[in-house]
Amino acid sequence: MKKRLIDGVEVKRSSGNVYADLGLPDAERLKIKTGLVVEIRKAMRRLGLTQQEAAKRMGITQPKVSGMMRGDFSNLSERKLMDCLNRLGYDIEIKVKPASEAVGHLVLAIA
């Protein structure tokens, strides 16, 4: 990764996954979950839902919605987040194909 100095601070370009850049375990999984949560937040705003209304519609508790809005979604699986999006009016497609490298990777594409 190319590094450069800006105002005396060393800066390097992100890999596209801030979790991987920080060296966190399960970086790909965290990136996917973050993308799903971002879409849930957008849907809630678009639908004008309160946390309580969103919780009821998504089938989770209001405290879990509150945590999600604060960035704490560790207690929700990717599957549950996808279920929440379905309940908010989103279709989800999962595409599986052979990898171009020895080990495959996950990609979240938001339309």
PDB file of N, CA and C in Angstrom:
ATOM      1  N   MET A   1       0.822  -1.171   0.000  1.00  0.00           N
ATOM      2  CA  MET A   1       0.000   0.000   0.000  1.00  0.00           C
ATOM      3  C   MET A   1       0.878   1.251   0.000  1.00  0.00           C
ATOM      4  N   LYS A   2       0.571   2.163  -0.891  1.00  0.00           N
ATOM      5  CA  LYS A   2       1.358   3.382  -1.013  1.00  0.00           C
ATOM      6  C   LYS A   2       1.048   4.335   0.140  1.00  0.00           C
ATOM      7  N   LYS A   3       2.117   4.863   0.752  1.00  0.00           N
ATOM      8  CA  LYS A   3       1.968   5.804   1.861  1.00  0.00           C
ATOM      9  C   LYS A   3       2.431   7.180   1.403  1.00  0.00           C
ATOM     10  N   ARG A   4       1.860   8.222   2.023  1.00  0.00           N
ATOM     11  CA  ARG A   4       2.315   9.574   1.753  1.00  0.00           C
ATOM     12  C   ARG A   4       2.082  10.435   2.987  1.00  0.00           C
ATOM     13  N   LEU A   5       2.713  11.595   3.001  1.00  0.00           N
ATOM     14  CA  LEU A   5       2.572  12.529   4.117  1.00  0.00           C
ATOM     15  C   LEU A   5       1.625  13.655   3.735  1.00  0.00           C
ATOM     16  N   ILE A   6       0.688  13.952   4.626  1.00  0.00           N
ATOM     17  CA  ILE A   6      -0.210  15.087   4.468  1.00  0.00           C
ATOM     18  C   ILE A   6      -0.141  15.886   5.754  1.00  0.00           C
ATOM     19  N   ASP A   7       0.338  17.114   5.650  1.00  0.00           N
ATOM     20  CA  ASP A   7       0.508  17.982   6.831  1.00  0.00           C
ATOM     21  C   ASP A   7       1.282  17.274   7.939  1.00  0.00           C
ATOM     22  N   GLY A   8       2.315  16.515   7.551  1.00  0.00           N
ATOM     23  CA  GLY A   8       3.162  15.840   8.513  1.00  0.00           C
ATOM     24  C   GLY A   8       2.596  14.543   9.075  1.00  0.00           C
ATOM     25  N   VAL A   9       1.433  14.116   8.566  1.00  0.00           N
ATOM     26  CA  VAL A   9       0.802  12.877   9.045  1.00  0.00           C
ATOM     27  C   VAL A   9       0.925  11.826   7.949  1.00  0.00           C
ATOM     28  N   GLU A  10       1.423  10.633   8.318  1.00  0.00           N
ATOM     29  CA  GLU A  10       1.539   9.545   7.353  1.00  0.00           C
ATOM     30  C   GLU A  10       0.150   8.984   7.060  1.00  0.00           C
ATOM     31  N   VAL A  11      -0.194   8.926   5.781  1.00  0.00           N
ATOM     32  CA  VAL A  11      -1.506   8.462   5.344  1.00  0.00           C
ATOM     33  C   VAL A  11      -1.310   7.353   4.323  1.00  0.00           C
ATOM     34  N   LYS A  12      -2.152   6.327   4.387  1.00  0.00           N
ATOM     35  CA  LYS A  12      -2.121   5.293   3.360  1.00  0.00           C
ATOM     36  C   LYS A  12      -3.544   5.008   2.894  1.00  0.00           C
ATOM     37  N   ARG A  13      -3.646   4.632   1.651  1.00  0.00           N
ATOM     38  CA  ARG A  13      -4.948   4.359   1.032  1.00  0.00           C
ATOM     39  C   ARG A  13      -5.561   3.105   1.647  1.00  0.00           C
ATOM     40  N   SER A  14      -6.866   3.155   1.859  1.00  0.00           N
ATOM     41  CA  SER A  14      -7.584   2.017   2.427  1.00  0.00           C
ATOM     42  C   SER A  14      -7.653   0.872   1.425  1.00  0.00           C
ATOM     43  N   SER A  15      -7.748  -0.321   1.946  1.00  0.00           N
ATOM     44  CA  SER A  15      -7.930  -1.500   1.100  1.00  0.00           C
ATOM     45  C   SER A  15      -9.374  -1.603   0.626  1.00  0.00           C
ATOM     46  N   GLY A  16     -10.249  -0.774   1.185  1.00  0.00           N
ATOM     47  CA  GLY A  16     -11.682  -0.874   0.894  1.00  0.00           C
ATOM     48  C   GLY A  16     -12.430  -1.553   2.030  1.00  0.00           C
ATOM     49  N   ASN A  17     -11.693  -2.065   2.996  1.00  0.00           N
ATOM     50  CA  ASN A  17     -12.298  -2.690   4.173  1.00  0.00           C
ATOM     51  C   ASN A  17     -11.583  -2.146   5.398  1.00  0.00           C
ATOM     52  N   VAL A  18     -12.201  -1.188   6.047  1.00  0.00           N
ATOM     53  CA  VAL A  18     -11.578  -0.545   7.199  1.00  0.00           C
ATOM     54  C   VAL A  18     -11.270  -1.552   8.305  1.00  0.00           C
ATOM     55  N   TYR A  19     -12.094  -2.586   8.430  1.00  0.00           N
ATOM     56  CA  TYR A  19     -11.864  -3.596   9.465  1.00  0.00           C
ATOM     57  C   TYR A  19     -10.579  -4.373   9.188  1.00  0.00           C
ATOM     58  N   ALA A  20     -10.336  -4.694   7.923  1.00  0.00           N
ATOM     59  CA  ALA A  20      -9.089  -5.377   7.551  1.00  0.00           C
ATOM     60  C   ALA A  20      -7.907  -4.442   7.755  1.00  0.00           C
ATOM     61  N   ASP A  21      -8.084  -3.156   7.397  1.00  0.00           N
ATOM     62  CA  ASP A  21      -7.005  -2.185   7.576  1.00  0.00           C
ATOM     63  C   ASP A  21      -6.609  -2.065   9.044  1.00  0.00           C
ATOM     64  N   LEU A  22      -7.585  -2.246   9.933  1.00  0.00           N
ATOM     65  CA  LEU A  22      -7.311  -2.171  11.370  1.00  0.00           C
ATOM     66  C   LEU A  22      -6.821  -3.501  11.938  1.00  0.00           C
ATOM     67  N   GLY A  23      -6.800  -4.539  11.089  1.00  0.00           N
ATOM     68  CA  GLY A  23      -6.305  -5.845  11.521  1.00  0.00           C
ATOM     69  C   GLY A  23      -7.284  -6.618  12.386  1.00  0.00           C
ATOM     70  N   LEU A  24      -8.577  -6.302  12.264  1.00  0.00           N
ATOM     71  CA  LEU A  24      -9.570  -6.989  13.084  1.00  0.00           C
ATOM     72  C   LEU A  24      -9.886  -8.373  12.522  1.00  0.00           C
ATOM     73  N   PRO A  25     -10.133  -9.332  13.407  1.00  0.00           N
ATOM     74  CA  PRO A  25     -10.530 -10.657  12.928  1.00  0.00           C
ATOM     75  C   PRO A  25     -11.925 -10.574  12.298  1.00  0.00           C
ATOM     76  N   ASP A  26     -12.231 -11.462  11.386  1.00  0.00           N
ATOM     77  CA  ASP A  26     -13.532 -11.496  10.702  1.00  0.00           C
ATOM     78  C   ASP A  26     -13.842 -10.195   9.975  1.00  0.00           C
ATOM     79  N   ALA A  27     -12.832  -9.581   9.379  1.00  0.00           N
ATOM     80  CA  ALA A  27     -12.993  -8.288   8.712  1.00  0.00           C
ATOM     81  C   ALA A  27     -14.036  -8.348   7.591  1.00  0.00           C
ATOM     82  N   GLU A  28     -14.018  -9.402   6.800  1.00  0.00           N
ATOM     83  CA  GLU A  28     -14.988  -9.514   5.698  1.00  0.00           C
ATOM     84  C   GLU A  28     -16.410  -9.599   6.245  1.00  0.00           C
ATOM     85  N   ARG A  29     -16.578 -10.377   7.288  1.00  0.00           N
ATOM     86  CA  ARG A  29     -17.903 -10.536   7.902  1.00  0.00           C
ATOM     87  C   ARG A  29     -18.392  -9.209   8.472  1.00  0.00           C
ATOM     88  N   LEU A  30     -17.509  -8.472   9.123  1.00  0.00           N
ATOM     89  CA  LEU A  30     -17.892  -7.169   9.672  1.00  0.00           C
ATOM     90  C   LEU A  30     -18.273  -6.186   8.572  1.00  0.00           C
ATOM     91  N   LYS A  31     -17.560  -6.232   7.458  1.00  0.00           N
ATOM     92  CA  LYS A  31     -17.873  -5.345   6.336  1.00  0.00           C
ATOM     93  C   LYS A  31     -19.261  -5.658   5.780  1.00  0.00           C
ATOM     94  N   ILE A  32     -19.585  -6.930   5.639  1.00  0.00           N
ATOM     95  CA  ILE A  32     -20.901  -7.347   5.145  1.00  0.00           C
ATOM     96  C   ILE A  32     -21.989  -6.879   6.105  1.00  0.00           C
ATOM     97  N   LYS A  33     -21.798  -7.140   7.394  1.00  0.00           N
ATOM     98  CA  LYS A  33     -22.806  -6.743   8.379  1.00  0.00           C
ATOM     99  C   LYS A  33     -22.995  -5.231   8.395  1.00  0.00           C
ATOM    100  N   THR A  34     -21.916  -4.480   8.264  1.00  0.00           N
ATOM    101  CA  THR A  34     -22.016  -3.026   8.245  1.00  0.00           C
ATOM    102  C   THR A  34     -22.847  -2.564   7.049  1.00  0.00           C
ATOM    103  N   GLY A  35     -22.610  -3.158   5.889  1.00  0.00           N
ATOM    104  CA  GLY A  35     -23.384  -2.813   4.699  1.00  0.00           C
ATOM    105  C   GLY A  35     -24.863  -3.084   4.877  1.00  0.00           C
ATOM    106  N   LEU A  36     -25.190  -4.199   5.519  1.00  0.00           N
ATOM    107  CA  LEU A  36     -26.594  -4.536   5.767  1.00  0.00           C
ATOM    108  C   LEU A  36     -27.227  -3.536   6.739  1.00  0.00           C
ATOM    109  N   VAL A  37     -26.500  -3.176   7.775  1.00  0.00           N
ATOM    110  CA  VAL A  37     -27.013  -2.213   8.760  1.00  0.00           C
ATOM    111  C   VAL A  37     -27.212  -0.841   8.118  1.00  0.00           C
ATOM    112  N   VAL A  38     -26.308  -0.432   7.256  1.00  0.00           N
ATOM    113  CA  VAL A  38     -26.465   0.850   6.552  1.00  0.00           C
ATOM    114  C   VAL A  38     -27.774   0.843   5.760  1.00  0.00           C
ATOM    115  N   GLU A  39     -28.070  -0.252   5.080  1.00  0.00           N
ATOM    116  CA  GLU A  39     -29.312  -0.346   4.310  1.00  0.00           C
ATOM    117  C   GLU A  39     -30.535  -0.351   5.220  1.00  0.00           C
ATOM    118  N   ILE A  40     -30.437  -0.997   6.386  1.00  0.00           N
ATOM    119  CA  ILE A  40     -31.544  -0.983   7.344  1.00  0.00           C
ATOM    120  C   ILE A  40     -31.818   0.447   7.799  1.00  0.00           C
ATOM    121  N   ARG A  41     -30.759   1.181   8.105  1.00  0.00           N
ATOM    122  CA  ARG A  41     -30.923   2.583   8.517  1.00  0.00           C
ATOM    123  C   ARG A  41     -31.584   3.405   7.417  1.00  0.00           C
ATOM    124  N   LYS A  42     -31.146   3.206   6.170  1.00  0.00           N
ATOM    125  CA  LYS A  42     -31.743   3.928   5.041  1.00  0.00           C
ATOM    126  C   LYS A  42     -33.234   3.598   4.914  1.00  0.00           C
ATOM    127  N   ALA A  43     -33.556   2.317   5.048  1.00  0.00           N
ATOM    128  CA  ALA A  43     -34.956   1.888   4.931  1.00  0.00           C
ATOM    129  C   ALA A  43     -35.807   2.504   6.032  1.00  0.00           C
ATOM    130  N   MET A  44     -35.282   2.532   7.244  1.00  0.00           N
ATOM    131  CA  MET A  44     -36.031   3.128   8.355  1.00  0.00           C
ATOM    132  C   MET A  44     -36.317   4.601   8.086  1.00  0.00           C
ATOM    133  N   ARG A  45     -35.313   5.310   7.589  1.00  0.00           N
ATOM    134  CA  ARG A  45     -35.508   6.740   7.266  1.00  0.00           C
ATOM    135  C   ARG A  45     -36.522   6.908   6.131  1.00  0.00           C
ATOM    136  N   ARG A  46     -36.354   6.091   5.088  1.00  0.00           N
ATOM    137  CA  ARG A  46     -37.243   6.181   3.926  1.00  0.00           C
ATOM    138  C   ARG A  46     -38.698   5.912   4.328  1.00  0.00           C
ATOM    139  N   LEU A  47     -38.891   4.953   5.223  1.00  0.00           N
ATOM    140  CA  LEU A  47     -40.237   4.588   5.665  1.00  0.00           C
ATOM    141  C   LEU A  47     -40.735   5.460   6.818  1.00  0.00           C
ATOM    142  N   GLY A  48     -39.866   6.289   7.370  1.00  0.00           N
ATOM    143  CA  GLY A  48     -40.241   7.159   8.472  1.00  0.00           C
ATOM    144  C   GLY A  48     -40.575   6.399   9.749  1.00  0.00           C
ATOM    145  N   LEU A  49     -39.852   5.311   9.996  1.00  0.00           N
ATOM    146  CA  LEU A  49     -40.132   4.459  11.159  1.00  0.00           C
ATOM    147  C   LEU A  49     -39.360   4.908  12.393  1.00  0.00           C
ATOM    148  N   THR A  50     -40.031   4.885  13.527  1.00  0.00           N
ATOM    149  CA  THR A  50     -39.338   5.052  14.799  1.00  0.00           C
ATOM    150  C   THR A  50     -38.623   3.741  15.100  1.00  0.00           C
ATOM    151  N   GLN A  51     -37.748   3.762  16.091  1.00  0.00           N
ATOM    152  CA  GLN A  51     -37.072   2.519  16.477  1.00  0.00           C
ATOM    153  C   GLN A  51     -38.086   1.472  16.922  1.00  0.00           C
ATOM    154  N   GLN A  52     -39.102   1.880  17.653  1.00  0.00           N
ATOM    155  CA  GLN A  52     -40.121   0.937  18.135  1.00  0.00           C
ATOM    156  C   GLN A  52     -40.894   0.330  16.958  1.00  0.00           C
ATOM    157  N   GLU A  53     -41.279   1.171  15.995  1.00  0.00           N
ATOM    158  CA  GLU A  53     -42.012   0.680  14.818  1.00  0.00           C
ATOM    159  C   GLU A  53     -41.133  -0.248  13.989  1.00  0.00           C
ATOM    160  N   ALA A  54     -39.878   0.140  13.820  1.00  0.00           N
ATOM    161  CA  ALA A  54     -38.948  -0.689  13.047  1.00  0.00           C
ATOM    162  C   ALA A  54     -38.720  -2.027  13.740  1.00  0.00           C
ATOM    163  N   ALA A  55     -38.573  -1.994  15.054  1.00  0.00           N
ATOM    164  CA  ALA A  55     -38.357  -3.230  15.808  1.00  0.00           C
ATOM    165  C   ALA A  55     -39.513  -4.199  15.600  1.00  0.00           C
ATOM    166  N   LYS A  56     -40.722  -3.687  15.702  1.00  0.00           N
ATOM    167  CA  LYS A  56     -41.905  -4.536  15.529  1.00  0.00           C
ATOM    168  C   LYS A  56     -41.940  -5.120  14.123  1.00  0.00           C
ATOM    169  N   ARG A  57     -41.674  -4.287  13.145  1.00  0.00           N
ATOM    170  CA  ARG A  57     -41.709  -4.740  11.757  1.00  0.00           C
ATOM    171  C   ARG A  57     -40.605  -5.755  11.462  1.00  0.00           C
ATOM    172  N   MET A  58     -39.415  -5.557  12.054  1.00  0.00           N
ATOM    173  CA  MET A  58     -38.279  -6.452  11.799  1.00  0.00           C
ATOM    174  C   MET A  58     -38.292  -7.695  12.680  1.00  0.00           C
ATOM    175  N   GLY A  59     -39.139  -7.712  13.715  1.00  0.00           N
ATOM    176  CA  GLY A  59     -39.207  -8.884  14.591  1.00  0.00           C
ATOM    177  C   GLY A  59     -38.068  -8.960  15.592  1.00  0.00           C
ATOM    178  N   ILE A  60     -37.543  -7.794  15.991  1.00  0.00           N
ATOM    179  CA  ILE A  60     -36.504  -7.744  17.016  1.00  0.00           C
ATOM    180  C   ILE A  60     -36.922  -6.721  18.064  1.00  0.00           C
ATOM    181  N   THR A  61     -36.184  -6.646  19.140  1.00  0.00           N
ATOM    182  CA  THR A  61     -36.531  -5.711  20.211  1.00  0.00           C
ATOM    183  C   THR A  61     -36.037  -4.304  19.887  1.00  0.00           C
ATOM    184  N   GLN A  62     -36.677  -3.312  20.501  1.00  0.00           N
ATOM    185  CA  GLN A  62     -36.245  -1.927  20.308  1.00  0.00           C
ATOM    186  C   GLN A  62     -34.823  -1.707  20.797  1.00  0.00           C
ATOM    187  N   PRO A  63     -34.410  -2.310  21.937  1.00  0.00           N
ATOM    188  CA  PRO A  63     -33.008  -2.139  22.346  1.00  0.00           C
ATOM    189  C   PRO A  63     -32.008  -2.660  21.297  1.00  0.00           C
ATOM    190  N   LYS A  64     -32.370  -3.720  20.571  1.00  0.00           N
ATOM    191  CA  LYS A  64     -31.474  -4.212  19.512  1.00  0.00           C
ATOM    192  C   LYS A  64     -31.417  -3.213  18.361  1.00  0.00           C
ATOM    193  N   VAL A  65     -32.548  -2.581  18.045  1.00  0.00           N
ATOM    194  CA  VAL A  65     -32.551  -1.552  17.003  1.00  0.00           C
ATOM    195  C   VAL A  65     -31.699  -0.372  17.466  1.00  0.00           C
ATOM    196  N   SER A  66     -31.850   0.028  18.710  1.00  0.00           N
ATOM    197  CA  SER A  66     -31.068   1.134  19.256  1.00  0.00           C
ATOM    198  C   SER A  66     -29.574   0.824  19.175  1.00  0.00           C
ATOM    199  N   GLY A  67     -29.200  -0.380  19.565  1.00  0.00           N
ATOM    200  CA  GLY A  67     -27.800  -0.788  19.479  1.00  0.00           C
ATOM    201  C   GLY A  67     -27.295  -0.748  18.052  1.00  0.00           C
ATOM    202  N   MET A  68     -28.126  -1.229  17.130  1.00  0.00           N
ATOM    203  CA  MET A  68     -27.759  -1.235  15.716  1.00  0.00           C
ATOM    204  C   MET A  68     -27.516   0.198  15.228  1.00  0.00           C
ATOM    205  N   MET A  69     -28.361   1.125  15.650  1.00  0.00           N
ATOM    206  CA  MET A  69     -28.218   2.517  15.222  1.00  0.00           C
ATOM    207  C   MET A  69     -26.943   3.150  15.787  1.00  0.00           C
ATOM    208  N   ARG A  70     -26.463   2.613  16.894  1.00  0.00           N
ATOM    209  CA  ARG A  70     -25.219   3.104  17.509  1.00  0.00           C
ATOM    210  C   ARG A  70     -23.991   2.336  17.016  1.00  0.00           C
ATOM    211  N   GLY A  71     -24.197   1.375  16.099  1.00  0.00           N
ATOM    212  CA  GLY A  71     -23.070   0.630  15.550  1.00  0.00           C
ATOM    213  C   GLY A  71     -22.773  -0.671  16.264  1.00  0.00           C
ATOM    214  N   ASP A  72     -23.616  -1.063  17.210  1.00  0.00           N
ATOM    215  CA  ASP A  72     -23.422  -2.345  17.901  1.00  0.00           C
ATOM    216  C   ASP A  72     -24.383  -3.364  17.312  1.00  0.00           C
ATOM    217  N   PHE A  73     -23.873  -4.162  16.402  1.00  0.00           N
ATOM    218  CA  PHE A  73     -24.703  -5.203  15.792  1.00  0.00           C
ATOM    219  C   PHE A  73     -24.062  -6.573  15.983  1.00  0.00           C
ATOM    220  N   SER A  74     -23.195  -6.679  16.981  1.00  0.00           N
ATOM    221  CA  SER A  74     -22.493  -7.936  17.243  1.00  0.00           C
ATOM    222  C   SER A  74     -23.452  -9.046  17.671  1.00  0.00           C
ATOM    223  N   ASN A  75     -24.610  -8.667  18.212  1.00  0.00           N
ATOM    224  CA  ASN A  75     -25.567  -9.673  18.683  1.00  0.00           C
ATOM    225  C   ASN A  75     -26.558 -10.082  17.593  1.00  0.00           C
ATOM    226  N   LEU A  76     -26.357  -9.610  16.355  1.00  0.00           N
ATOM    227  CA  LEU A  76     -27.232  -9.959  15.246  1.00  0.00           C
ATOM    228  C   LEU A  76     -26.419 -10.630  14.143  1.00  0.00           C
ATOM    229  N   SER A  77     -26.882 -11.782  13.692  1.00  0.00           N
ATOM    230  CA  SER A  77     -26.177 -12.507  12.628  1.00  0.00           C
ATOM    231  C   SER A  77     -26.462 -11.862  11.275  1.00  0.00           C
ATOM    232  N   GLU A  78     -25.651 -12.220  10.278  1.00  0.00           N
ATOM    233  CA  GLU A  78     -25.903 -11.732   8.929  1.00  0.00           C
ATOM    234  C   GLU A  78     -27.284 -12.175   8.472  1.00  0.00           C
ATOM    235  N   ARG A  79     -27.648 -13.398   8.799  1.00  0.00           N
ATOM    236  CA  ARG A  79     -28.958 -13.938   8.400  1.00  0.00           C
ATOM    237  C   ARG A  79     -30.086 -13.117   9.015  1.00  0.00           C
ATOM    238  N   LYS A  80     -29.957 -12.746  10.276  1.00  0.00           N
ATOM    239  CA  LYS A  80     -31.003 -11.955  10.926  1.00  0.00           C
ATOM    240  C   LYS A  80     -31.079 -10.563  10.302  1.00  0.00           C
ATOM    241  N   LEU A  81     -29.927  -9.960   9.981  1.00  0.00           N
ATOM    242  CA  LEU A  81     -29.930  -8.653   9.335  1.00  0.00           C
ATOM    243  C   LEU A  81     -30.598  -8.726   7.962  1.00  0.00           C
ATOM    244  N   MET A  82     -30.353  -9.804   7.225  1.00  0.00           N
ATOM    245  CA  MET A  82     -31.018  -9.980   5.934  1.00  0.00           C
ATOM    246  C   MET A  82     -32.519 -10.144   6.124  1.00  0.00           C
ATOM    247  N   ASP A  83     -32.932 -10.881   7.153  1.00  0.00           N
ATOM    248  CA  ASP A  83     -34.350 -11.045   7.466  1.00  0.00           C
ATOM    249  C   ASP A  83     -34.981  -9.686   7.781  1.00  0.00           C
ATOM    250  N   CYS A  84     -34.259  -8.851   8.527  1.00  0.00           N
ATOM    251  CA  CYS A  84     -34.748  -7.504   8.841  1.00  0.00           C
ATOM    252  C   CYS A  84     -34.969  -6.707   7.557  1.00  0.00           C
ATOM    253  N   LEU A  85     -34.030  -6.783   6.629  1.00  0.00           N
ATOM    254  CA  LEU A  85     -34.183  -6.075   5.358  1.00  0.00           C
ATOM    255  C   LEU A  85     -35.373  -6.600   4.560  1.00  0.00           C
ATOM    256  N   ASN A  86     -35.569  -7.914   4.561  1.00  0.00           N
ATOM    257  CA  ASN A  86     -36.739  -8.483   3.889  1.00  0.00           C
ATOM    258  C   ASN A  86     -38.024  -7.890   4.463  1.00  0.00           C
ATOM    259  N   ARG A  87     -38.071  -7.805   5.778  1.00  0.00           N
ATOM    260  CA  ARG A  87     -39.277  -7.291   6.449  1.00  0.00           C
ATOM    261  C   ARG A  87     -39.472  -5.789   6.224  1.00  0.00           C
ATOM    262  N   LEU A  88     -38.406  -5.111   5.791  1.00  0.00           N
ATOM    263  CA  LEU A  88     -38.495  -3.680   5.479  1.00  0.00           C
ATOM    264  C   LEU A  88     -38.711  -3.439   3.979  1.00  0.00           C
ATOM    265  N   GLY A  89     -38.957  -4.530   3.239  1.00  0.00           N
ATOM    266  CA  GLY A  89     -39.297  -4.394   1.827  1.00  0.00           C
ATOM    267  C   GLY A  89     -38.153  -4.563   0.856  1.00  0.00           C
ATOM    268  N   TYR A  90     -37.075  -5.210   1.258  1.00  0.00           N
ATOM    269  CA  TYR A  90     -35.929  -5.440   0.376  1.00  0.00           C
ATOM    270  C   TYR A  90     -35.901  -6.887  -0.093  1.00  0.00           C
ATOM    271  N   ASP A  91     -35.504  -7.076  -1.351  1.00  0.00           N
ATOM    272  CA  ASP A  91     -35.181  -8.405  -1.862  1.00  0.00           C
ATOM    273  C   ASP A  91     -33.681  -8.601  -1.675  1.00  0.00           C
ATOM    274  N   ILE A  92     -33.291  -9.830  -1.393  1.00  0.00           N
ATOM    275  CA  ILE A  92     -31.869 -10.145  -1.240  1.00  0.00           C
ATOM    276  C   ILE A  92     -31.555 -11.324  -2.150  1.00  0.00           C
ATOM    277  N   GLU A  93     -30.506 -11.172  -2.941  1.00  0.00           N
ATOM    278  CA  GLU A  93     -30.045 -12.236  -3.826  1.00  0.00           C
ATOM    279  C   GLU A  93     -28.645 -12.642  -3.397  1.00  0.00           C
ATOM    280  N   ILE A  94     -28.408 -13.939  -3.327  1.00  0.00           N
ATOM    281  CA  ILE A  94     -27.080 -14.454  -3.006  1.00  0.00           C
ATOM    282  C   ILE A  94     -26.585 -15.203  -4.238  1.00  0.00           C
ATOM    283  N   LYS A  95     -25.419 -14.793  -4.719  1.00  0.00           N
ATOM    284  CA  LYS A  95     -24.845 -15.391  -5.924  1.00  0.00           C
ATOM    285  C   LYS A  95     -23.588 -16.166  -5.529  1.00  0.00           C
ATOM    286  N   VAL A  96     -23.526 -17.418  -5.909  1.00  0.00           N
ATOM    287  CA  VAL A  96     -22.370 -18.258  -5.618  1.00  0.00           C
ATOM    288  C   VAL A  96     -21.736 -18.664  -6.943  1.00  0.00           C
ATOM    289  N   LYS A  97     -20.412 -18.485  -7.041  1.00  0.00           N
ATOM    290  CA  LYS A  97     -19.697 -18.849  -8.263  1.00  0.00           C
ATOM    291  C   LYS A  97     -18.291 -19.292  -7.884  1.00  0.00           C
ATOM    292  N   PRO A  98     -17.624 -20.026  -8.764  1.00  0.00           N
ATOM    293  CA  PRO A  98     -16.253 -20.438  -8.475  1.00  0.00           C
ATOM    294  C   PRO A  98     -15.350 -19.207  -8.310  1.00  0.00           C
ATOM    295  N   ALA A  99     -14.440 -19.291  -7.366  1.00  0.00           N
ATOM    296  CA  ALA A  99     -13.516 -18.188  -7.104  1.00  0.00           C
ATOM    297  C   ALA A  99     -12.396 -18.175  -8.139  1.00  0.00           C
ATOM    298  N   SER A 100     -11.846 -16.987  -8.379  1.00  0.00           N
ATOM    299  CA  SER A 100     -10.725 -16.872  -9.306  1.00  0.00           C
ATOM    300  C   SER A 100      -9.402 -17.175  -8.623  1.00  0.00           C
ATOM    301  N   GLU A 101      -9.427 -17.248  -7.289  1.00  0.00           N
ATOM    302  CA  GLU A 101      -8.228 -17.566  -6.512  1.00  0.00           C
ATOM    303  C   GLU A 101      -8.493 -18.818  -5.683  1.00  0.00           C
ATOM    304  N   ALA A 102      -7.474 -19.316  -5.008  1.00  0.00           N
ATOM    305  CA  ALA A 102      -7.618 -20.543  -4.223  1.00  0.00           C
ATOM    306  C   ALA A 102      -8.650 -20.404  -3.106  1.00  0.00           C
ATOM    307  N   VAL A 103      -8.727 -19.212  -2.527  1.00  0.00           N
ATOM    308  CA  VAL A 103      -9.705 -18.954  -1.466  1.00  0.00           C
ATOM    309  C   VAL A 103     -10.629 -17.854  -1.952  1.00  0.00           C
ATOM    310  N   GLY A 104     -11.928 -18.088  -1.851  1.00  0.00           N
ATOM    311  CA  GLY A 104     -12.914 -17.107  -2.301  1.00  0.00           C
ATOM    312  C   GLY A 104     -13.104 -15.985  -1.295  1.00  0.00           C
ATOM    313  N   HIS A 105     -13.956 -15.031  -1.637  1.00  0.00           N
ATOM    314  CA  HIS A 105     -14.235 -13.919  -0.729  1.00  0.00           C
ATOM    315  C   HIS A 105     -15.704 -13.516  -0.845  1.00  0.00           C
ATOM    316  N   LEU A 106     -16.174 -12.749   0.117  1.00  0.00           N
ATOM    317  CA  LEU A 106     -17.538 -12.259   0.152  1.00  0.00           C
ATOM    318  C   LEU A 106     -17.601 -10.850  -0.419  1.00  0.00           C
ATOM    319  N   VAL A 107     -18.665 -10.576  -1.154  1.00  0.00           N
ATOM    320  CA  VAL A 107     -18.866  -9.247  -1.702  1.00  0.00           C
ATOM    321  C   VAL A 107     -20.323  -8.866  -1.455  1.00  0.00           C
ATOM    322  N   LEU A 108     -20.555  -7.679  -0.940  1.00  0.00           N
ATOM    323  CA  LEU A 108     -21.903  -7.176  -0.774  1.00  0.00           C
ATOM    324  C   LEU A 108     -22.117  -6.099  -1.810  1.00  0.00           C
ATOM    325  N   ALA A 109     -23.075  -6.309  -2.703  1.00  0.00           N
ATOM    326  CA  ALA A 109     -23.381  -5.341  -3.757  1.00  0.00           C
ATOM    327  C   ALA A 109     -24.749  -4.747  -3.457  1.00  0.00           C
ATOM    328  N   ILE A 110     -24.798  -3.462  -3.214  1.00  0.00           N
ATOM    329  CA  ILE A 110     -26.051  -2.779  -2.929  1.00  0.00           C
ATOM    330  C   ILE A 110     -26.485  -2.061  -4.197  1.00  0.00           C
ATOM    331  N   ALA A 111     -27.701  -2.327  -4.633  1.00  0.00           N
ATOM    332  CA  ALA A 111     -28.210  -1.690  -5.866  1.00  0.00           C
ATOM    333  C   ALA A 111     -28.899  -0.391  -5.567  1.00  0.00           C
TER     334      ALA A 111
END
